[in-house]
Amino acid sequence: MARYILTGNYSQQSIKGMITNPSDREAATRPLVEAAGGTFLSFYATLGESDFQLTVETDDLEGLVAALMVAGASGGVSNLKTVQAFTAAELLAMQTRAGGLAGAFTPAG
């Protein structure tokens, strides 16, 4: 299964709600990921550019995007970003494959 790292920010309204009525955001998010066909691997609150980070596994990218659309449409989150993540073993396989392909490419100039 492919792994994806998802990041985003909470809206001002969401932050006010979390202060007034604290909630477990991992428990709130997990059912959406699973309903979209994904496996929820981790949730972290983060500092800096984003407020949270999720790691999920799925072979259903369409389902994952649909789940992100639901989350974004709620108004509770914004700035949703998704990147695909690879293990060290997967990267090693890519490097090996690139070595085999290198002779088929002629760079510009």
N, C-alpha and C. Protein backbone atom coordinates (compact mmCIF):
# COMPACT_ATOMS: atom_id res chain seq x y z
N MET A 1 0.83 -1.20 0.00
CA MET A 1 0.00 0.00 0.00
C MET A 1 0.87 1.25 0.00
N ALA A 2 0.40 2.25 -0.68
CA ALA A 2 1.12 3.52 -0.71
C ALA A 2 0.87 4.27 0.59
N ARG A 3 1.90 5.00 1.05
CA ARG A 3 1.80 5.81 2.26
C ARG A 3 1.77 7.29 1.87
N TYR A 4 0.94 8.03 2.60
CA TYR A 4 0.81 9.46 2.36
C TYR A 4 0.91 10.21 3.67
N ILE A 5 1.59 11.35 3.62
CA ILE A 5 1.68 12.26 4.77
C ILE A 5 0.78 13.44 4.44
N LEU A 6 -0.16 13.71 5.33
CA LEU A 6 -1.14 14.78 5.14
C LEU A 6 -0.90 15.84 6.21
N THR A 7 -0.87 17.10 5.81
CA THR A 7 -0.72 18.18 6.77
C THR A 7 -1.79 19.22 6.52
N GLY A 8 -2.04 20.04 7.53
CA GLY A 8 -3.01 21.11 7.38
C GLY A 8 -3.06 22.00 8.60
N ASN A 9 -3.98 22.93 8.55
CA ASN A 9 -4.16 23.90 9.63
C ASN A 9 -5.60 23.88 10.11
N TYR A 10 -5.79 24.15 11.39
CA TYR A 10 -7.13 24.30 11.95
C TYR A 10 -7.62 25.72 11.70
N SER A 11 -8.90 25.87 11.46
CA SER A 11 -9.49 27.20 11.31
C SER A 11 -9.59 27.86 12.69
N GLN A 12 -9.78 29.16 12.68
CA GLN A 12 -9.95 29.89 13.94
C GLN A 12 -11.14 29.33 14.71
N GLN A 13 -12.21 29.03 14.01
CA GLN A 13 -13.41 28.46 14.64
C GLN A 13 -13.10 27.10 15.29
N SER A 14 -12.31 26.27 14.61
CA SER A 14 -11.95 24.97 15.18
C SER A 14 -11.11 25.13 16.44
N ILE A 15 -10.17 26.05 16.42
CA ILE A 15 -9.31 26.26 17.59
C ILE A 15 -10.15 26.75 18.77
N LYS A 16 -11.07 27.67 18.51
CA LYS A 16 -11.97 28.13 19.59
C LYS A 16 -12.75 26.95 20.15
N GLY A 17 -13.25 26.09 19.27
CA GLY A 17 -14.00 24.92 19.70
C GLY A 17 -13.16 23.95 20.52
N MET A 18 -11.89 23.77 20.14
CA MET A 18 -11.00 22.86 20.88
C MET A 18 -10.68 23.42 22.27
N ILE A 19 -10.65 24.74 22.38
CA ILE A 19 -10.41 25.35 23.69
C ILE A 19 -11.64 25.20 24.58
N THR A 20 -12.81 25.47 24.00
CA THR A 20 -14.06 25.39 24.75
C THR A 20 -14.45 23.95 25.08
N ASN A 21 -14.25 23.06 24.12
CA ASN A 21 -14.67 21.68 24.27
C ASN A 21 -13.56 20.77 23.73
N PRO A 22 -12.50 20.51 24.51
CA PRO A 22 -11.37 19.71 24.03
C PRO A 22 -11.83 18.34 23.48
N SER A 23 -11.20 17.93 22.38
CA SER A 23 -11.56 16.66 21.77
C SER A 23 -10.32 15.97 21.22
N ASP A 24 -10.38 14.67 21.13
CA ASP A 24 -9.30 13.86 20.59
C ASP A 24 -9.40 13.91 19.06
N ARG A 25 -8.54 14.68 18.42
CA ARG A 25 -8.62 14.87 16.97
C ARG A 25 -8.23 13.60 16.21
N GLU A 26 -7.37 12.77 16.79
CA GLU A 26 -7.05 11.50 16.15
C GLU A 26 -8.30 10.62 16.08
N ALA A 27 -9.01 10.52 17.20
CA ALA A 27 -10.23 9.70 17.24
C ALA A 27 -11.29 10.26 16.30
N ALA A 28 -11.30 11.57 16.10
CA ALA A 28 -12.29 12.19 15.22
C ALA A 28 -11.94 11.98 13.75
N THR A 29 -10.65 11.87 13.45
CA THR A 29 -10.19 11.78 12.07
C THR A 29 -10.11 10.34 11.56
N ARG A 30 -9.77 9.43 12.43
CA ARG A 30 -9.58 8.02 12.04
C ARG A 30 -10.78 7.45 11.27
N PRO A 31 -12.04 7.64 11.72
CA PRO A 31 -13.17 7.05 10.99
C PRO A 31 -13.30 7.54 9.55
N LEU A 32 -12.95 8.80 9.29
CA LEU A 32 -13.02 9.33 7.93
C LEU A 32 -12.01 8.64 7.03
N VAL A 33 -10.78 8.49 7.53
CA VAL A 33 -9.73 7.83 6.75
C VAL A 33 -10.14 6.38 6.46
N GLU A 34 -10.64 5.69 7.48
CA GLU A 34 -11.02 4.29 7.31
C GLU A 34 -12.23 4.13 6.40
N ALA A 35 -13.20 5.05 6.49
CA ALA A 35 -14.37 5.00 5.61
C ALA A 35 -13.98 5.20 4.15
N ALA A 36 -12.88 5.91 3.92
CA ALA A 36 -12.39 6.15 2.56
C ALA A 36 -11.50 5.01 2.07
N GLY A 37 -11.34 3.95 2.88
CA GLY A 37 -10.56 2.79 2.46
C GLY A 37 -9.11 2.82 2.87
N GLY A 38 -8.73 3.78 3.71
CA GLY A 38 -7.34 3.90 4.13
C GLY A 38 -7.08 3.27 5.48
N THR A 39 -5.81 3.11 5.80
CA THR A 39 -5.36 2.65 7.11
C THR A 39 -4.69 3.84 7.79
N PHE A 40 -5.18 4.19 8.96
CA PHE A 40 -4.67 5.33 9.72
C PHE A 40 -3.42 4.88 10.48
N LEU A 41 -2.27 5.48 10.21
CA LEU A 41 -1.02 5.06 10.86
C LEU A 41 -0.62 5.96 12.01
N SER A 42 -0.77 7.28 11.85
CA SER A 42 -0.35 8.17 12.93
C SER A 42 -1.02 9.52 12.81
N PHE A 43 -1.05 10.22 13.95
CA PHE A 43 -1.54 11.58 14.03
C PHE A 43 -0.62 12.35 14.96
N TYR A 44 -0.19 13.52 14.55
CA TYR A 44 0.62 14.38 15.41
C TYR A 44 0.13 15.81 15.31
N ALA A 45 0.05 16.49 16.44
CA ALA A 45 -0.10 17.93 16.45
C ALA A 45 1.30 18.48 16.19
N THR A 46 1.40 19.52 15.37
CA THR A 46 2.71 20.02 14.99
C THR A 46 2.82 21.53 15.19
N LEU A 47 4.03 22.00 15.27
CA LEU A 47 4.32 23.43 15.35
C LEU A 47 4.90 23.88 14.03
N GLY A 48 4.77 25.14 13.72
CA GLY A 48 5.36 25.67 12.49
C GLY A 48 4.33 25.89 11.42
N GLU A 49 4.65 25.46 10.22
CA GLU A 49 3.82 25.73 9.05
C GLU A 49 2.45 25.06 9.12
N SER A 50 2.34 23.91 9.76
CA SER A 50 1.05 23.21 9.86
C SER A 50 0.72 22.90 11.31
N ASP A 51 -0.57 22.65 11.55
CA ASP A 51 -1.04 22.36 12.92
C ASP A 51 -1.13 20.87 13.22
N PHE A 52 -1.20 20.07 12.15
CA PHE A 52 -1.31 18.62 12.35
C PHE A 52 -0.68 17.88 11.18
N GLN A 53 -0.36 16.60 11.45
CA GLN A 53 0.22 15.72 10.43
C GLN A 53 -0.35 14.33 10.63
N LEU A 54 -0.88 13.75 9.57
CA LEU A 54 -1.39 12.38 9.58
C LEU A 54 -0.56 11.55 8.63
N THR A 55 -0.39 10.29 8.95
CA THR A 55 0.20 9.36 8.01
C THR A 55 -0.82 8.26 7.78
N VAL A 56 -1.11 8.00 6.51
CA VAL A 56 -2.10 6.98 6.15
C VAL A 56 -1.54 6.09 5.05
N GLU A 57 -2.08 4.89 4.96
CA GLU A 57 -1.77 3.98 3.87
C GLU A 57 -3.06 3.73 3.09
N THR A 58 -2.95 3.71 1.77
CA THR A 58 -4.11 3.39 0.95
C THR A 58 -3.66 3.09 -0.47
N ASP A 59 -4.40 2.25 -1.14
CA ASP A 59 -4.24 2.05 -2.57
C ASP A 59 -5.36 2.74 -3.32
N ASP A 60 -6.22 3.43 -2.58
CA ASP A 60 -7.37 4.12 -3.16
C ASP A 60 -7.17 5.63 -3.05
N LEU A 61 -6.39 6.18 -3.97
CA LEU A 61 -6.10 7.61 -3.94
C LEU A 61 -7.36 8.43 -4.14
N GLU A 62 -8.28 7.94 -4.96
CA GLU A 62 -9.55 8.63 -5.16
C GLU A 62 -10.31 8.75 -3.84
N GLY A 63 -10.33 7.68 -3.06
CA GLY A 63 -11.00 7.71 -1.75
C GLY A 63 -10.33 8.68 -0.80
N LEU A 64 -8.99 8.71 -0.83
CA LEU A 64 -8.26 9.63 0.05
C LEU A 64 -8.59 11.08 -0.31
N VAL A 65 -8.60 11.40 -1.59
CA VAL A 65 -8.92 12.76 -2.02
C VAL A 65 -10.36 13.11 -1.63
N ALA A 66 -11.27 12.15 -1.77
CA ALA A 66 -12.65 12.38 -1.36
C ALA A 66 -12.73 12.71 0.13
N ALA A 67 -11.97 11.98 0.96
CA ALA A 67 -11.95 12.26 2.40
C ALA A 67 -11.40 13.64 2.69
N LEU A 68 -10.37 14.04 1.95
CA LEU A 68 -9.81 15.38 2.13
C LEU A 68 -10.82 16.45 1.72
N MET A 69 -11.59 16.18 0.70
CA MET A 69 -12.64 17.12 0.29
C MET A 69 -13.67 17.29 1.40
N VAL A 70 -14.05 16.19 2.05
CA VAL A 70 -15.01 16.25 3.16
C VAL A 70 -14.43 17.08 4.30
N ALA A 71 -13.17 16.81 4.65
CA ALA A 71 -12.54 17.55 5.75
C ALA A 71 -12.45 19.04 5.41
N GLY A 72 -12.03 19.35 4.19
CA GLY A 72 -11.91 20.75 3.79
C GLY A 72 -13.25 21.46 3.73
N ALA A 73 -14.27 20.76 3.25
CA ALA A 73 -15.60 21.36 3.14
C ALA A 73 -16.23 21.64 4.49
N SER A 74 -15.73 20.98 5.54
CA SER A 74 -16.29 21.20 6.89
C SER A 74 -15.99 22.59 7.41
N GLY A 75 -14.97 23.24 6.84
CA GLY A 75 -14.57 24.56 7.32
C GLY A 75 -13.68 24.51 8.54
N GLY A 76 -13.43 23.31 9.05
CA GLY A 76 -12.62 23.17 10.26
C GLY A 76 -11.13 23.14 10.00
N VAL A 77 -10.75 22.86 8.75
CA VAL A 77 -9.33 22.79 8.41
C VAL A 77 -9.09 23.49 7.07
N SER A 78 -7.85 23.87 6.86
CA SER A 78 -7.46 24.50 5.59
C SER A 78 -6.02 24.12 5.29
N ASN A 79 -5.54 24.56 4.14
CA ASN A 79 -4.14 24.33 3.76
C ASN A 79 -3.79 22.85 3.72
N LEU A 80 -4.71 22.01 3.34
CA LEU A 80 -4.44 20.57 3.31
C LEU A 80 -3.43 20.26 2.21
N LYS A 81 -2.39 19.52 2.59
CA LYS A 81 -1.34 19.12 1.65
C LYS A 81 -1.10 17.63 1.79
N THR A 82 -0.83 16.99 0.68
CA THR A 82 -0.61 15.55 0.65
C THR A 82 0.68 15.26 -0.10
N VAL A 83 1.54 14.45 0.49
CA VAL A 83 2.74 13.98 -0.21
C VAL A 83 2.82 12.47 -0.04
N GLN A 84 3.31 11.80 -1.08
CA GLN A 84 3.51 10.36 -0.96
C GLN A 84 4.85 10.11 -0.29
N ALA A 85 4.90 9.13 0.59
CA ALA A 85 6.11 8.81 1.34
C ALA A 85 6.61 7.43 0.95
N PHE A 86 7.92 7.25 1.00
CA PHE A 86 8.55 5.98 0.61
C PHE A 86 9.50 5.51 1.71
N THR A 87 9.57 4.21 1.90
CA THR A 87 10.51 3.64 2.86
C THR A 87 11.92 3.70 2.27
N ALA A 88 12.92 3.47 3.10
CA ALA A 88 14.30 3.43 2.64
C ALA A 88 14.48 2.31 1.61
N ALA A 89 13.82 1.18 1.81
CA ALA A 89 13.92 0.06 0.87
C ALA A 89 13.32 0.43 -0.49
N GLU A 90 12.20 1.15 -0.47
CA GLU A 90 11.59 1.58 -1.72
C GLU A 90 12.49 2.57 -2.45
N LEU A 91 13.12 3.48 -1.71
CA LEU A 91 14.04 4.44 -2.31
C LEU A 91 15.24 3.72 -2.92
N LEU A 92 15.75 2.71 -2.24
CA LEU A 92 16.88 1.95 -2.77
C LEU A 92 16.49 1.27 -4.08
N ALA A 93 15.29 0.70 -4.15
CA ALA A 93 14.82 0.08 -5.39
C ALA A 93 14.71 1.10 -6.50
N MET A 94 14.25 2.32 -6.18
CA MET A 94 14.14 3.38 -7.19
C MET A 94 15.53 3.77 -7.72
N GLN A 95 16.49 3.84 -6.81
CA GLN A 95 17.85 4.19 -7.23
C GLN A 95 18.42 3.13 -8.17
N THR A 96 18.19 1.87 -7.83
CA THR A 96 18.67 0.77 -8.65
C THR A 96 18.02 0.81 -10.03
N ARG A 97 16.72 1.05 -10.05
CA ARG A 97 16.01 1.13 -11.33
C ARG A 97 16.50 2.32 -12.15
N ALA A 98 16.75 3.45 -11.47
CA ALA A 98 17.26 4.64 -12.17
C ALA A 98 18.61 4.34 -12.84
N GLY A 99 19.44 3.55 -12.16
CA GLY A 99 20.73 3.17 -12.75
C GLY A 99 20.55 2.42 -14.05
N GLY A 100 19.53 1.58 -14.13
CA GLY A 100 19.26 0.84 -15.34
C GLY A 100 18.67 1.69 -16.45
N LEU A 101 18.00 2.77 -16.08
CA LEU A 101 17.38 3.66 -17.06
C LEU A 101 18.32 4.76 -17.56
N ALA A 102 19.38 5.03 -16.81
CA ALA A 102 20.23 6.18 -17.08
C ALA A 102 20.78 6.21 -18.52
N GLY A 103 21.09 5.04 -19.09
CA GLY A 103 21.64 4.99 -20.44
C GLY A 103 20.63 5.38 -21.52
N ALA A 104 19.35 5.41 -21.18
CA ALA A 104 18.32 5.73 -22.16
C ALA A 104 18.03 7.23 -22.25
N PHE A 105 18.74 8.04 -21.46
CA PHE A 105 18.45 9.48 -21.39
C PHE A 105 19.65 10.27 -21.89
N THR A 106 19.35 11.26 -22.73
CA THR A 106 20.39 12.19 -23.18
C THR A 106 20.04 13.56 -22.64
N PRO A 107 20.87 14.11 -21.75
CA PRO A 107 20.56 15.43 -21.17
C PRO A 107 20.70 16.54 -22.22
N ALA A 108 20.02 17.65 -21.96
CA ALA A 108 20.11 18.81 -22.85
C ALA A 108 21.53 19.35 -22.87
N GLY A 109 21.92 19.93 -23.98
CA GLY A 109 23.21 20.58 -24.08
C GLY A 109 24.23 19.66 -24.63
